Amino acid sequence: MTARSAPRRAPKLLAAIVLAVPVYGLLLGLGLVSLGWNLLAVLLRPLLPARFGRTLGRQVISGAYRCFWAVACATGAMRIDDGCLDALRDERGLILIANHPTMLDALLLVARLPRSACIMKADLMRNVFLGGGARLARYIANDSPRTMIKNAVDDLQNGGQLVLFPEGTRTVSKPINTFRPGVTLIAKRAQVPIQTVFIDTDTQYLGKGWPLWRVPALPLVFRLRLGQRFAPSQDSDALLRQLEQYFRHQMEQRAPDAQPACQSTRAPTLS
C-alpha cells in the first residue's frame, strides 16, 4: 500500500469493521447461548423421561433460534420472510426438504418448527456447542444409514417432523446438487408426506467455500416459500428423481431479485 492509497483505503477498512460488529456479535452471542444450553442439556438428559426431554429440547432450540433471528432483524443485519412455516408448526408426521445455500438454513427452518428434528453429522453430535442439546432433543445421527433411517421413521411415527437437505451438503453446482437417497425411503417406510421448501437468498454468506472471517454485504436477505407436497411412493428412487427435477425447475424459474420484508421480529413462543 502506498502512502497515497492509504487514505482512500482507510474508510473502506473502517466500514468493513463496522459491518462486522453486528454479524459476528450475533454469532458470538448465539455461540455462548448454545454452549450454556448444551452443557445444561448434558445434565438434564439422564434425568428427564425421553418424550419430555425430546419436546423440551426441540422447543428450546427452536426458541433460541427465533430469538437470534429476531435480534438479527432488529439490528438491521438481516431481512427474513419465513412466516410461511407457521402453518406447519403443529403438523404431525411430516418431512420437510429444502435447498441448502448456506450454513444458516437449518436454523431458519427449525426456528419456526418446534416439533422438528434434524439429521446431523455424527461428529456434530459430539460437538460441545451442539451435541448435548441435539442428544436431548433426540436429533438423528447419520453415522449408520440403517440406524439413521430407523430412528427417523420412529420419530415421524411418534408425531415428529424431520428437516432434511437432500443435497447432503451446501449447494456447489447451481441451482442444486444431485439429491442423495434416503429421504424418499424414510417417507415410504414412515408413510408420511414430503413438504418442499425453497430458501431464496441474495447472499453467498456461509455458502460452500465462504470463509467465516469474510464480512458479507448487509442486510442478509432470506425468503422462505412453500412448494408442492409429495405423497410417499413405493418406488422411492423414482420419487427422488421427481423431487430433484421439481427443485431444479422451480429454482431455475425463481425471481432472483426477491426482497423480503423481515417477519422474524415476533417474540418466540414455546409450545
Foldseek 3Di string as FASTA:
>chain_A
DDPVCVVVCVVVVVVLVVLVCLVVVLVVVLQVVLLVVLVVLLVCQVVDDLVVLLLVLLLVLLQSLLVSLLVCVVVQQEFEALVVCLVVQQFFQEEEEEAALAPCVVSSNSNNHSQEAEEDEPVQLVDSSRNSSNVSSVHAYPPDLVRRLVSLLVSRLVGGYYYDYQLNAHADDPPHHQGDDDPLVSCQSNFGKYKYKYKAWLDSVRGPPHDPPDRTDDRTYIYMDTDDIGGRDPPSVVVSVVVVVVVRVVSVPDDNPDGHGHPSNDNGDRD
